[in-house]
Amino acid sequence: MLQKAPRRTRERILELSLRLFNEFGEPNITTTVIAEEMNISPGNLYYHFRNKDDIVNSIFVQFEAEIERILTVPNGRRSNIEDVWLYLHLMFELIWRYRFFYRDLNDLLSRNRKLELHFKQILAHKIKVAKQLCEDLRSEKSLEASDNAIDAMATNMVVVATYWLSYEYVRNPRKYSEQQSMADALARGCYQVLSQIGPYLRNETALLFQKLSEEYLKKLK
């Protein structure tokens, strides 16, 4: 049986740092803490990364690659409401895996120029995708809204998704890391984002949205 090659120290540092940043917040974790948790010397850590910002930026490269894959809307057919629902699930799962970026967003952007520039691009791309999804629904007569309304919907969807985990953290910080609590929080987030377009849905799509919503709300009771 083939054995997996041991993970390189650099990969282990990134994996551990992501976990620590997620659990305790990026501002509360130093390179000293990371080195101690890794059971390596600070010099060994600095051999792989110049400083903590270098670690954060390397994690962000991973995050950016994953989110770009999610934000690539398939060509060849128009999206339907189930596509939107799936898209939101994948987006929230990714946000949870890299949640420290969202929870500590303002602090990170205030002192990291690279993140500031790239996160702006990500937000703009999210809005573009949300707008395209709404326009696809409109072209299929499943959604009735003006261009201005769609612009507002797309922006509101991205705002809610971006700051939802911050809202949940303020709402119940002591349960922020509990698996079931966060699973419910992510489900609520999906529902809240999708509810932005609910009043504009028509015909069978409106009925399907109502059915999906009822199933979700039952799970959250």
N, C-alpha and C. Protein backbone atom coordinates (compact mmCIF):
# COMPACT_ATOMS: atom_id res chain seq x y z
N MET A 1 0.85 -1.19 0.00
CA MET A 1 0.00 0.00 0.00
C MET A 1 0.89 1.25 0.00
N LEU A 2 0.56 2.20 -0.89
CA LEU A 2 1.34 3.43 -0.96
C LEU A 2 1.04 4.31 0.25
N GLN A 3 2.08 4.87 0.82
CA GLN A 3 1.90 5.78 1.95
C GLN A 3 1.94 7.22 1.45
N LYS A 4 1.12 8.07 2.11
CA LYS A 4 1.13 9.48 1.77
C LYS A 4 2.44 10.11 2.20
N ALA A 5 2.95 10.98 1.37
CA ALA A 5 4.17 11.70 1.74
C ALA A 5 3.85 12.65 2.89
N PRO A 6 4.75 12.79 3.86
CA PRO A 6 4.49 13.70 4.98
C PRO A 6 4.34 15.13 4.48
N ARG A 7 3.41 15.85 5.12
CA ARG A 7 3.19 17.23 4.72
C ARG A 7 4.41 18.07 5.04
N ARG A 8 4.72 18.98 4.19
CA ARG A 8 5.86 19.85 4.41
C ARG A 8 5.56 20.81 5.56
N THR A 9 6.61 21.31 6.19
CA THR A 9 6.46 22.21 7.33
C THR A 9 5.66 23.45 6.94
N ARG A 10 5.91 23.99 5.76
CA ARG A 10 5.18 25.17 5.31
C ARG A 10 3.68 24.91 5.27
N GLU A 11 3.27 23.78 4.73
CA GLU A 11 1.85 23.45 4.64
C GLU A 11 1.24 23.29 6.03
N ARG A 12 2.00 22.67 6.93
CA ARG A 12 1.51 22.48 8.30
C ARG A 12 1.36 23.81 9.02
N ILE A 13 2.27 24.73 8.77
CA ILE A 13 2.17 26.07 9.38
C ILE A 13 0.90 26.77 8.91
N LEU A 14 0.64 26.70 7.62
CA LEU A 14 -0.56 27.34 7.08
C LEU A 14 -1.83 26.70 7.64
N GLU A 15 -1.85 25.39 7.72
CA GLU A 15 -3.01 24.68 8.23
C GLU A 15 -3.26 25.03 9.69
N LEU A 16 -2.21 25.02 10.50
CA LEU A 16 -2.35 25.35 11.91
C LEU A 16 -2.74 26.82 12.09
N SER A 17 -2.11 27.71 11.33
CA SER A 17 -2.41 29.13 11.46
C SER A 17 -3.87 29.42 11.13
N LEU A 18 -4.37 28.78 10.10
CA LEU A 18 -5.78 28.96 9.73
C LEU A 18 -6.68 28.54 10.88
N ARG A 19 -6.37 27.41 11.49
CA ARG A 19 -7.19 26.94 12.61
C ARG A 19 -7.13 27.91 13.80
N LEU A 20 -5.94 28.38 14.12
CA LEU A 20 -5.79 29.31 15.24
C LEU A 20 -6.48 30.65 14.96
N PHE A 21 -6.29 31.16 13.74
CA PHE A 21 -6.94 32.42 13.38
C PHE A 21 -8.46 32.28 13.46
N ASN A 22 -8.98 31.16 12.99
CA ASN A 22 -10.42 30.93 13.01
C ASN A 22 -10.95 30.83 14.43
N GLU A 23 -10.22 30.14 15.30
CA GLU A 23 -10.70 29.88 16.66
C GLU A 23 -10.55 31.09 17.58
N PHE A 24 -9.44 31.80 17.44
CA PHE A 24 -9.14 32.85 18.42
C PHE A 24 -9.09 34.26 17.83
N GLY A 25 -9.19 34.37 16.52
CA GLY A 25 -9.09 35.67 15.88
C GLY A 25 -7.65 35.98 15.49
N GLU A 26 -7.46 36.45 14.27
CA GLU A 26 -6.11 36.72 13.78
C GLU A 26 -5.34 37.71 14.64
N PRO A 27 -5.96 38.81 15.15
CA PRO A 27 -5.20 39.76 15.97
C PRO A 27 -4.64 39.17 17.25
N ASN A 28 -5.23 38.06 17.72
CA ASN A 28 -4.83 37.47 19.00
C ASN A 28 -3.75 36.40 18.86
N ILE A 29 -3.34 36.12 17.64
CA ILE A 29 -2.35 35.07 17.40
C ILE A 29 -1.06 35.68 16.87
N THR A 30 0.05 35.35 17.51
CA THR A 30 1.36 35.85 17.07
C THR A 30 2.16 34.72 16.43
N THR A 31 3.25 35.08 15.80
CA THR A 31 4.11 34.04 15.22
C THR A 31 4.72 33.18 16.33
N THR A 32 4.91 33.77 17.50
CA THR A 32 5.43 32.99 18.64
C THR A 32 4.45 31.90 19.02
N VAL A 33 3.18 32.24 19.08
CA VAL A 33 2.15 31.25 19.41
C VAL A 33 2.12 30.15 18.36
N ILE A 34 2.20 30.54 17.11
CA ILE A 34 2.17 29.55 16.03
C ILE A 34 3.37 28.60 16.14
N ALA A 35 4.57 29.16 16.37
CA ALA A 35 5.77 28.33 16.50
C ALA A 35 5.65 27.38 17.68
N GLU A 36 5.12 27.87 18.81
CA GLU A 36 4.96 27.01 19.99
C GLU A 36 3.98 25.88 19.72
N GLU A 37 2.87 26.21 19.06
CA GLU A 37 1.87 25.18 18.73
C GLU A 37 2.43 24.16 17.75
N MET A 38 3.31 24.62 16.87
CA MET A 38 3.95 23.73 15.89
C MET A 38 5.08 22.93 16.51
N ASN A 39 5.53 23.35 17.70
CA ASN A 39 6.68 22.74 18.36
C ASN A 39 7.95 22.88 17.51
N ILE A 40 8.09 24.09 16.93
CA ILE A 40 9.29 24.43 16.17
C ILE A 40 9.83 25.75 16.70
N SER A 41 11.05 26.07 16.37
CA SER A 41 11.65 27.32 16.81
C SER A 41 11.11 28.48 15.96
N PRO A 42 11.09 29.70 16.53
CA PRO A 42 10.69 30.87 15.71
C PRO A 42 11.55 31.00 14.46
N GLY A 43 12.85 30.67 14.59
CA GLY A 43 13.73 30.74 13.43
C GLY A 43 13.29 29.82 12.31
N ASN A 44 12.83 28.62 12.68
CA ASN A 44 12.33 27.67 11.68
C ASN A 44 11.10 28.23 10.99
N LEU A 45 10.21 28.87 11.76
CA LEU A 45 9.01 29.46 11.17
C LEU A 45 9.39 30.59 10.21
N TYR A 46 10.34 31.44 10.65
CA TYR A 46 10.73 32.57 9.81
C TYR A 46 11.51 32.13 8.56
N TYR A 47 11.99 30.92 8.57
CA TYR A 47 12.62 30.37 7.37
C TYR A 47 11.58 30.21 6.26
N HIS A 48 10.33 29.90 6.67
CA HIS A 48 9.25 29.67 5.70
C HIS A 48 8.42 30.93 5.45
N PHE A 49 8.26 31.78 6.47
CA PHE A 49 7.45 32.98 6.34
C PHE A 49 8.16 34.15 7.02
N ARG A 50 8.18 35.30 6.36
CA ARG A 50 8.90 36.45 6.89
C ARG A 50 8.26 36.98 8.17
N ASN A 51 6.93 36.97 8.22
CA ASN A 51 6.19 37.51 9.37
C ASN A 51 4.76 36.98 9.31
N LYS A 52 3.91 37.47 10.23
CA LYS A 52 2.54 36.97 10.27
C LYS A 52 1.76 37.39 9.03
N ASP A 53 2.01 38.60 8.52
CA ASP A 53 1.31 39.04 7.31
C ASP A 53 1.61 38.12 6.14
N ASP A 54 2.82 37.60 6.10
CA ASP A 54 3.20 36.66 5.04
C ASP A 54 2.36 35.39 5.15
N ILE A 55 2.11 34.94 6.37
CA ILE A 55 1.25 33.77 6.60
C ILE A 55 -0.17 34.07 6.17
N VAL A 56 -0.69 35.23 6.60
CA VAL A 56 -2.06 35.63 6.25
C VAL A 56 -2.22 35.72 4.73
N ASN A 57 -1.25 36.33 4.07
CA ASN A 57 -1.33 36.47 2.61
C ASN A 57 -1.29 35.12 1.91
N SER A 58 -0.51 34.19 2.44
CA SER A 58 -0.43 32.86 1.83
C SER A 58 -1.75 32.11 2.00
N ILE A 59 -2.40 32.26 3.15
CA ILE A 59 -3.72 31.65 3.35
C ILE A 59 -4.73 32.30 2.41
N PHE A 60 -4.59 33.61 2.23
CA PHE A 60 -5.52 34.33 1.35
C PHE A 60 -5.40 33.85 -0.09
N VAL A 61 -4.20 33.50 -0.52
CA VAL A 61 -4.02 32.96 -1.88
C VAL A 61 -4.85 31.69 -2.05
N GLN A 62 -4.84 30.83 -1.03
CA GLN A 62 -5.65 29.61 -1.08
C GLN A 62 -7.13 29.95 -1.14
N PHE A 63 -7.55 30.86 -0.26
CA PHE A 63 -8.95 31.29 -0.22
C PHE A 63 -9.39 31.88 -1.55
N GLU A 64 -8.56 32.73 -2.11
CA GLU A 64 -8.90 33.41 -3.36
C GLU A 64 -9.07 32.41 -4.49
N ALA A 65 -8.20 31.41 -4.55
CA ALA A 65 -8.30 30.39 -5.60
C ALA A 65 -9.60 29.60 -5.47
N GLU A 66 -9.99 29.27 -4.24
CA GLU A 66 -11.22 28.51 -4.02
C GLU A 66 -12.45 29.34 -4.34
N ILE A 67 -12.45 30.60 -3.94
CA ILE A 67 -13.65 31.42 -4.17
C ILE A 67 -13.81 31.76 -5.64
N GLU A 68 -12.71 31.86 -6.36
CA GLU A 68 -12.81 32.12 -7.80
C GLU A 68 -13.46 30.94 -8.52
N ARG A 69 -13.19 29.73 -8.03
CA ARG A 69 -13.83 28.55 -8.64
C ARG A 69 -15.34 28.58 -8.41
N ILE A 70 -15.75 28.97 -7.21
CA ILE A 70 -17.18 29.05 -6.90
C ILE A 70 -17.85 30.14 -7.72
N LEU A 71 -17.14 31.24 -7.92
CA LEU A 71 -17.72 32.39 -8.61
C LEU A 71 -17.72 32.24 -10.13
N THR A 72 -17.26 31.10 -10.63
CA THR A 72 -17.30 30.84 -12.07
C THR A 72 -18.65 30.21 -12.41
N VAL A 73 -19.53 31.01 -12.99
CA VAL A 73 -20.87 30.52 -13.33
C VAL A 73 -20.79 29.70 -14.62
N PRO A 74 -21.35 28.47 -14.62
CA PRO A 74 -21.28 27.62 -15.82
C PRO A 74 -21.91 28.28 -17.04
N ASN A 75 -21.29 28.11 -18.17
CA ASN A 75 -21.84 28.63 -19.42
C ASN A 75 -22.76 27.59 -20.05
N GLY A 76 -23.59 28.03 -20.98
CA GLY A 76 -24.39 27.08 -21.73
C GLY A 76 -25.84 27.01 -21.32
N ARG A 77 -26.16 27.46 -20.11
CA ARG A 77 -27.57 27.48 -19.70
C ARG A 77 -27.77 28.55 -18.63
N ARG A 78 -29.01 28.98 -18.50
CA ARG A 78 -29.33 29.99 -17.50
C ARG A 78 -29.53 29.32 -16.14
N SER A 79 -29.21 30.05 -15.10
CA SER A 79 -29.32 29.51 -13.74
C SER A 79 -30.78 29.51 -13.29
N ASN A 80 -31.12 28.56 -12.42
CA ASN A 80 -32.45 28.54 -11.81
C ASN A 80 -32.32 28.71 -10.31
N ILE A 81 -33.44 28.70 -9.61
CA ILE A 81 -33.43 29.00 -8.17
C ILE A 81 -32.63 27.95 -7.38
N GLU A 82 -32.63 26.70 -7.84
CA GLU A 82 -31.86 25.66 -7.15
C GLU A 82 -30.36 25.90 -7.33
N ASP A 83 -29.97 26.44 -8.48
CA ASP A 83 -28.57 26.81 -8.69
C ASP A 83 -28.16 27.90 -7.71
N VAL A 84 -29.05 28.87 -7.52
CA VAL A 84 -28.76 29.97 -6.59
C VAL A 84 -28.60 29.43 -5.17
N TRP A 85 -29.50 28.52 -4.79
CA TRP A 85 -29.45 27.93 -3.46
C TRP A 85 -28.14 27.17 -3.25
N LEU A 86 -27.74 26.37 -4.25
CA LEU A 86 -26.50 25.61 -4.17
C LEU A 86 -25.30 26.56 -4.11
N TYR A 87 -25.32 27.58 -4.94
CA TYR A 87 -24.25 28.57 -4.95
C TYR A 87 -24.07 29.19 -3.57
N LEU A 88 -25.18 29.53 -2.91
CA LEU A 88 -25.10 30.13 -1.59
C LEU A 88 -24.53 29.15 -0.56
N HIS A 89 -24.95 27.89 -0.65
CA HIS A 89 -24.41 26.86 0.26
C HIS A 89 -22.90 26.76 0.12
N LEU A 90 -22.42 26.66 -1.11
CA LEU A 90 -20.98 26.54 -1.34
C LEU A 90 -20.26 27.78 -0.84
N MET A 91 -20.85 28.95 -1.07
CA MET A 91 -20.22 30.19 -0.65
C MET A 91 -20.12 30.26 0.87
N PHE A 92 -21.19 29.91 1.57
CA PHE A 92 -21.17 29.98 3.03
C PHE A 92 -20.23 28.93 3.63
N GLU A 93 -20.14 27.76 3.02
CA GLU A 93 -19.19 26.75 3.49
C GLU A 93 -17.76 27.26 3.37
N LEU A 94 -17.47 27.94 2.27
CA LEU A 94 -16.13 28.49 2.07
C LEU A 94 -15.86 29.63 3.06
N ILE A 95 -16.86 30.48 3.25
CA ILE A 95 -16.71 31.58 4.22
C ILE A 95 -16.43 31.00 5.60
N TRP A 96 -17.08 29.91 5.95
CA TRP A 96 -16.85 29.31 7.27
C TRP A 96 -15.43 28.74 7.38
N ARG A 97 -14.94 28.11 6.32
CA ARG A 97 -13.59 27.54 6.36
C ARG A 97 -12.53 28.62 6.55
N TYR A 98 -12.79 29.79 6.02
CA TYR A 98 -11.84 30.90 6.14
C TYR A 98 -12.49 32.06 6.91
N ARG A 99 -13.19 31.75 7.98
CA ARG A 99 -14.04 32.74 8.64
C ARG A 99 -13.28 33.88 9.29
N PHE A 100 -12.01 33.69 9.62
CA PHE A 100 -11.30 34.79 10.26
C PHE A 100 -11.17 35.99 9.33
N PHE A 101 -11.11 35.75 8.01
CA PHE A 101 -11.05 36.86 7.07
C PHE A 101 -12.29 37.74 7.21
N TYR A 102 -13.44 37.11 7.43
CA TYR A 102 -14.69 37.85 7.51
C TYR A 102 -14.91 38.44 8.90
N ARG A 103 -14.56 37.68 9.94
CA ARG A 103 -14.76 38.19 11.29
C ARG A 103 -13.81 39.34 11.60
N ASP A 104 -12.57 39.25 11.11
CA ASP A 104 -11.55 40.27 11.39
C ASP A 104 -11.32 41.18 10.19
N LEU A 105 -12.32 41.27 9.30
CA LEU A 105 -12.14 41.92 8.01
C LEU A 105 -11.66 43.37 8.12
N ASN A 106 -12.33 44.19 8.91
CA ASN A 106 -11.97 45.60 8.98
C ASN A 106 -10.56 45.80 9.50
N ASP A 107 -10.19 45.02 10.51
CA ASP A 107 -8.84 45.13 11.08
C ASP A 107 -7.78 44.71 10.06
N LEU A 108 -8.04 43.61 9.35
CA LEU A 108 -7.08 43.12 8.36
C LEU A 108 -6.89 44.12 7.22
N LEU A 109 -8.00 44.65 6.72
CA LEU A 109 -7.91 45.57 5.58
C LEU A 109 -7.23 46.88 5.94
N SER A 110 -7.36 47.29 7.21
CA SER A 110 -6.77 48.57 7.63
C SER A 110 -5.25 48.54 7.63
N ARG A 111 -4.66 47.33 7.65
CA ARG A 111 -3.20 47.25 7.75
C ARG A 111 -2.57 46.32 6.71
N ASN A 112 -3.38 45.83 5.78
CA ASN A 112 -2.84 44.93 4.76
C ASN A 112 -3.34 45.38 3.39
N ARG A 113 -2.48 46.08 2.67
CA ARG A 113 -2.87 46.68 1.39
C ARG A 113 -3.26 45.61 0.36
N LYS A 114 -2.55 44.49 0.36
CA LYS A 114 -2.86 43.43 -0.60
C LYS A 114 -4.28 42.92 -0.39
N LEU A 115 -4.63 42.64 0.86
CA LEU A 115 -5.97 42.15 1.15
C LEU A 115 -7.02 43.20 0.80
N GLU A 116 -6.71 44.46 1.07
CA GLU A 116 -7.65 45.54 0.76
C GLU A 116 -8.01 45.53 -0.73
N LEU A 117 -6.99 45.48 -1.58
CA LEU A 117 -7.22 45.52 -3.02
C LEU A 117 -7.93 44.27 -3.52
N HIS A 118 -7.47 43.11 -3.06
CA HIS A 118 -8.03 41.85 -3.57
C HIS A 118 -9.44 41.61 -3.04
N PHE A 119 -9.72 42.01 -1.80
CA PHE A 119 -11.06 41.79 -1.27
C PHE A 119 -12.07 42.67 -1.98
N LYS A 120 -11.66 43.87 -2.37
CA LYS A 120 -12.54 44.72 -3.17
C LYS A 120 -12.92 44.01 -4.47
N GLN A 121 -11.94 43.38 -5.09
CA GLN A 121 -12.18 42.66 -6.34
C GLN A 121 -13.13 41.48 -6.12
N ILE A 122 -12.95 40.78 -5.00
CA ILE A 122 -13.82 39.65 -4.69
C ILE A 122 -15.25 40.12 -4.48
N LEU A 123 -15.44 41.21 -3.74
CA LEU A 123 -16.79 41.74 -3.52
C LEU A 123 -17.44 42.14 -4.85
N ALA A 124 -16.66 42.80 -5.71
CA ALA A 124 -17.19 43.22 -7.00
C ALA A 124 -17.59 42.00 -7.84
N HIS A 125 -16.77 40.94 -7.76
CA HIS A 125 -17.07 39.71 -8.51
C HIS A 125 -18.31 39.03 -7.95
N LYS A 126 -18.46 39.02 -6.63
CA LYS A 126 -19.65 38.43 -6.01
C LYS A 126 -20.91 39.16 -6.47
N ILE A 127 -20.85 40.49 -6.49
CA ILE A 127 -22.01 41.28 -6.92
C ILE A 127 -22.34 40.99 -8.38
N LYS A 128 -21.31 40.88 -9.20
CA LYS A 128 -21.51 40.58 -10.62
C LYS A 128 -22.20 39.23 -10.80
N VAL A 129 -21.76 38.22 -10.03
CA VAL A 129 -22.36 36.89 -10.14
C VAL A 129 -23.80 36.91 -9.63
N ALA A 130 -24.04 37.58 -8.50
CA ALA A 130 -25.40 37.67 -7.96
C ALA A 130 -26.32 38.37 -8.96
N LYS A 131 -25.83 39.41 -9.59
CA LYS A 131 -26.62 40.13 -10.59
C LYS A 131 -26.93 39.23 -11.78
N GLN A 132 -25.93 38.46 -12.21
CA GLN A 132 -26.16 37.55 -13.35
C GLN A 132 -27.20 36.49 -13.01
N LEU A 133 -27.13 35.95 -11.78
CA LEU A 133 -28.10 34.94 -11.36
C LEU A 133 -29.51 35.52 -11.39
N CYS A 134 -29.67 36.76 -10.91
CA CYS A 134 -30.98 37.40 -10.91
C CYS A 134 -31.46 37.66 -12.33
N GLU A 135 -30.56 38.09 -13.19
CA GLU A 135 -30.93 38.36 -14.58
C GLU A 135 -31.31 37.08 -15.31
N ASP A 136 -30.64 35.98 -14.98
CA ASP A 136 -31.01 34.69 -15.58
C ASP A 136 -32.44 34.31 -15.17
N LEU A 137 -32.77 34.52 -13.89
CA LEU A 137 -34.12 34.21 -13.42
C LEU A 137 -35.14 35.11 -14.12
N ARG A 138 -34.78 36.37 -14.32
CA ARG A 138 -35.71 37.28 -14.99
C ARG A 138 -35.93 36.89 -16.44
N SER A 139 -34.87 36.48 -17.11
CA SER A 139 -35.00 36.10 -18.52
C SER A 139 -35.86 34.86 -18.70
N GLU A 140 -35.95 34.03 -17.65
CA GLU A 140 -36.79 32.84 -17.68
C GLU A 140 -38.20 33.12 -17.16
N LYS A 141 -38.52 34.41 -16.93
CA LYS A 141 -39.83 34.84 -16.40
C LYS A 141 -40.07 34.31 -14.99
N SER A 142 -38.98 33.99 -14.29
CA SER A 142 -39.10 33.49 -12.92
C SER A 142 -38.95 34.62 -11.90
N LEU A 143 -38.52 35.77 -12.35
CA LEU A 143 -38.29 36.91 -11.47
C LEU A 143 -38.73 38.17 -12.20
N GLU A 144 -39.41 39.03 -11.49
CA GLU A 144 -39.90 40.27 -12.07
C GLU A 144 -39.32 41.45 -11.30
N ALA A 145 -38.36 42.14 -11.92
CA ALA A 145 -37.70 43.26 -11.25
C ALA A 145 -37.02 44.13 -12.30
N SER A 146 -36.91 45.42 -11.97
CA SER A 146 -36.22 46.36 -12.85
C SER A 146 -34.71 46.19 -12.71
N ASP A 147 -33.97 46.81 -13.61
CA ASP A 147 -32.51 46.76 -13.52
C ASP A 147 -32.02 47.35 -12.20
N ASN A 148 -32.63 48.45 -11.79
CA ASN A 148 -32.22 49.07 -10.52
C ASN A 148 -32.50 48.16 -9.34
N ALA A 149 -33.64 47.47 -9.38
CA ALA A 149 -33.98 46.55 -8.29
C ALA A 149 -33.00 45.38 -8.24
N ILE A 150 -32.62 44.90 -9.40
CA ILE A 150 -31.64 43.80 -9.45
C ILE A 150 -30.29 44.26 -8.92
N ASP A 151 -29.88 45.46 -9.29
CA ASP A 151 -28.63 46.00 -8.76
C ASP A 151 -28.66 46.05 -7.23
N ALA A 152 -29.78 46.52 -6.68
CA ALA A 152 -29.92 46.61 -5.22
C ALA A 152 -29.93 45.23 -4.59
N MET A 153 -30.65 44.28 -5.21
CA MET A 153 -30.70 42.91 -4.70
C MET A 153 -29.32 42.28 -4.66
N ALA A 154 -28.58 42.43 -5.75
CA ALA A 154 -27.25 41.82 -5.83
C ALA A 154 -26.34 42.38 -4.74
N THR A 155 -26.38 43.69 -4.55
CA THR A 155 -25.55 44.31 -3.51
C THR A 155 -25.98 43.83 -2.12
N ASN A 156 -27.29 43.81 -1.87
CA ASN A 156 -27.79 43.39 -0.55
C ASN A 156 -27.43 41.94 -0.25
N MET A 157 -27.50 41.08 -1.27
CA MET A 157 -27.15 39.68 -1.08
C MET A 157 -25.69 39.54 -0.65
N VAL A 158 -24.81 40.30 -1.29
CA VAL A 158 -23.39 40.22 -0.96
C VAL A 158 -23.10 40.83 0.40
N VAL A 159 -23.78 41.92 0.74
CA VAL A 159 -23.58 42.54 2.06
C VAL A 159 -23.97 41.57 3.17
N VAL A 160 -25.14 40.96 3.03
CA VAL A 160 -25.61 40.02 4.06
C VAL A 160 -24.65 38.83 4.17
N ALA A 161 -24.24 38.26 3.04
CA ALA A 161 -23.33 37.11 3.07
C ALA A 161 -21.99 37.47 3.68
N THR A 162 -21.47 38.67 3.37
CA THR A 162 -20.14 39.07 3.85
C THR A 162 -20.12 39.27 5.35
N TYR A 163 -21.19 39.82 5.91
CA TYR A 163 -21.17 40.16 7.34
C TYR A 163 -22.04 39.26 8.20
N TRP A 164 -22.54 38.16 7.61
CA TRP A 164 -23.44 37.30 8.37
C TRP A 164 -22.74 36.64 9.57
N LEU A 165 -21.52 36.15 9.38
CA LEU A 165 -20.84 35.48 10.49
C LEU A 165 -20.49 36.47 11.60
N SER A 166 -20.22 37.72 11.24
CA SER A 166 -19.97 38.74 12.26
C SER A 166 -21.24 38.96 13.08
N TYR A 167 -22.36 39.00 12.40
CA TYR A 167 -23.65 39.14 13.08
C TYR A 167 -23.90 37.97 14.03
N GLU A 168 -23.64 36.74 13.54
CA GLU A 168 -23.85 35.55 14.37
C GLU A 168 -22.89 35.53 15.56
N TYR A 169 -21.68 36.03 15.37
CA TYR A 169 -20.72 36.06 16.47
C TYR A 169 -21.20 37.02 17.56
N VAL A 170 -21.66 38.19 17.17
CA VAL A 170 -22.18 39.15 18.15
C VAL A 170 -23.43 38.60 18.83
N ARG A 171 -24.24 37.92 18.06
CA ARG A 171 -25.49 37.37 18.57
C ARG A 171 -25.26 36.29 19.62
N ASN A 172 -24.24 35.46 19.43
CA ASN A 172 -24.00 34.36 20.37
C ASN A 172 -22.53 33.96 20.34
N PRO A 173 -21.64 34.79 20.91
CA PRO A 173 -20.20 34.51 20.82
C PRO A 173 -19.77 33.23 21.52
N ARG A 174 -20.47 32.82 22.57
CA ARG A 174 -20.05 31.64 23.32
C ARG A 174 -20.31 30.34 22.57
N LYS A 175 -21.17 30.38 21.58
CA LYS A 175 -21.46 29.18 20.80
C LYS A 175 -20.91 29.27 19.39
N TYR A 176 -20.02 30.24 19.17
CA TYR A 176 -19.55 30.52 17.82
C TYR A 176 -18.83 29.33 17.19
N SER A 177 -18.17 28.52 18.01
CA SER A 177 -17.39 27.41 17.46
C SER A 177 -18.09 26.07 17.58
N GLU A 178 -19.31 26.05 18.14
CA GLU A 178 -20.04 24.79 18.25
C GLU A 178 -20.56 24.38 16.87
N GLN A 179 -20.31 23.13 16.51
CA GLN A 179 -20.60 22.67 15.15
C GLN A 179 -22.06 22.83 14.77
N GLN A 180 -22.99 22.35 15.62
CA GLN A 180 -24.41 22.42 15.28
C GLN A 180 -24.90 23.86 15.25
N SER A 181 -24.42 24.64 16.20
CA SER A 181 -24.82 26.05 16.25
C SER A 181 -24.41 26.78 14.98
N MET A 182 -23.21 26.50 14.52
CA MET A 182 -22.73 27.17 13.31
C MET A 182 -23.39 26.62 12.05
N ALA A 183 -23.72 25.32 12.05
CA ALA A 183 -24.45 24.75 10.91
C ALA A 183 -25.79 25.45 10.76
N ASP A 184 -26.46 25.68 11.90
CA ASP A 184 -27.73 26.41 11.88
C ASP A 184 -27.52 27.86 11.44
N ALA A 185 -26.42 28.46 11.88
CA ALA A 185 -26.13 29.85 11.52
C ALA A 185 -25.91 29.99 10.02
N LEU A 186 -25.20 29.03 9.42
CA LEU A 186 -24.95 29.07 7.99
C LEU A 186 -26.24 28.86 7.21
N ALA A 187 -27.10 27.97 7.72
CA ALA A 187 -28.39 27.75 7.07
C ALA A 187 -29.24 29.02 7.13
N ARG A 188 -29.24 29.68 8.28
CA ARG A 188 -29.96 30.95 8.40
C ARG A 188 -29.41 31.99 7.44
N GLY A 189 -28.08 31.98 7.28
CA GLY A 189 -27.46 32.92 6.37
C GLY A 189 -27.91 32.71 4.94
N CYS A 190 -27.93 31.44 4.51
CA CYS A 190 -28.41 31.13 3.15
C CYS A 190 -29.84 31.63 2.96
N TYR A 191 -30.67 31.37 3.96
CA TYR A 191 -32.07 31.79 3.85
C TYR A 191 -32.19 33.31 3.80
N GLN A 192 -31.43 34.01 4.65
CA GLN A 192 -31.51 35.46 4.69
C GLN A 192 -31.05 36.09 3.37
N VAL A 193 -30.00 35.52 2.78
CA VAL A 193 -29.52 36.05 1.50
C VAL A 193 -30.56 35.81 0.41
N LEU A 194 -31.07 34.59 0.34
CA LEU A 194 -32.03 34.26 -0.71
C LEU A 194 -33.35 35.00 -0.53
N SER A 195 -33.68 35.34 0.71
CA SER A 195 -34.94 36.05 0.96
C SER A 195 -34.92 37.45 0.33
N GLN A 196 -33.75 37.93 -0.05
CA GLN A 196 -33.67 39.23 -0.72
C GLN A 196 -34.42 39.21 -2.06
N ILE A 197 -34.43 38.05 -2.71
CA ILE A 197 -35.09 37.98 -4.02
C ILE A 197 -36.47 37.34 -3.94
N GLY A 198 -36.82 36.79 -2.77
CA GLY A 198 -38.10 36.10 -2.61
C GLY A 198 -39.30 36.88 -3.11
N PRO A 199 -39.47 38.17 -2.72
CA PRO A 199 -40.66 38.93 -3.14
C PRO A 199 -40.75 39.16 -4.64
N TYR A 200 -39.66 38.97 -5.35
CA TYR A 200 -39.64 39.23 -6.80
C TYR A 200 -39.86 37.97 -7.63
N LEU A 201 -39.91 36.82 -6.98
CA LEU A 201 -40.05 35.56 -7.71
C LEU A 201 -41.49 35.36 -8.18
N ARG A 202 -41.65 34.67 -9.28
CA ARG A 202 -42.96 34.46 -9.86
C ARG A 202 -43.15 33.00 -10.26
N ASN A 203 -44.41 32.63 -10.46
CA ASN A 203 -44.80 31.33 -11.04
C ASN A 203 -44.24 30.15 -10.24
N GLU A 204 -43.78 29.11 -10.95
CA GLU A 204 -43.32 27.89 -10.27
C GLU A 204 -42.09 28.15 -9.41
N THR A 205 -41.28 29.10 -9.81
CA THR A 205 -40.08 29.41 -9.03
C THR A 205 -40.44 29.96 -7.66
N ALA A 206 -41.48 30.77 -7.60
CA ALA A 206 -41.94 31.29 -6.31
C ALA A 206 -42.43 30.16 -5.42
N LEU A 207 -43.14 29.20 -6.01
CA LEU A 207 -43.63 28.05 -5.24
C LEU A 207 -42.47 27.18 -4.76
N LEU A 208 -41.47 26.98 -5.62
CA LEU A 208 -40.31 26.18 -5.24
C LEU A 208 -39.52 26.87 -4.13
N PHE A 209 -39.38 28.18 -4.23
CA PHE A 209 -38.70 28.93 -3.18
C PHE A 209 -39.43 28.79 -1.86
N GLN A 210 -40.75 28.88 -1.91
CA GLN A 210 -41.54 28.74 -0.68
C GLN A 210 -41.34 27.35 -0.07
N LYS A 211 -41.32 26.32 -0.92
CA LYS A 211 -41.13 24.95 -0.45
C LYS A 211 -39.75 24.79 0.18
N LEU A 212 -38.70 25.27 -0.49
CA LEU A 212 -37.34 25.18 0.05
C LEU A 212 -37.22 25.95 1.36
N SER A 213 -37.87 27.09 1.42
CA SER A 213 -37.81 27.91 2.63
C SER A 213 -38.47 27.22 3.80
N GLU A 214 -39.63 26.65 3.55
CA GLU A 214 -40.36 25.95 4.62
C GLU A 214 -39.55 24.78 5.16
N GLU A 215 -38.90 24.04 4.26
CA GLU A 215 -38.07 22.91 4.69
C GLU A 215 -36.91 23.40 5.55
N TYR A 216 -36.31 24.49 5.17
CA TYR A 216 -35.20 25.05 5.93
C TYR A 216 -35.64 25.53 7.29
N LEU A 217 -36.74 26.27 7.31
CA LEU A 217 -37.22 26.85 8.56
C LEU A 217 -37.61 25.77 9.57
N LYS A 218 -38.12 24.64 9.07
CA LYS A 218 -38.45 23.52 9.95
C LYS A 218 -37.19 22.98 10.63
N LYS A 219 -36.12 22.89 9.87
CA LYS A 219 -34.86 22.37 10.43
C LYS A 219 -34.29 23.30 11.50
N LEU A 220 -34.60 24.57 11.39
CA LEU A 220 -34.01 25.55 12.29
C LEU A 220 -34.83 25.77 13.56
N LYS A 221 -36.00 25.14 13.65
CA LYS A 221 -36.85 25.32 14.84
C LYS A 221 -36.32 24.47 15.98
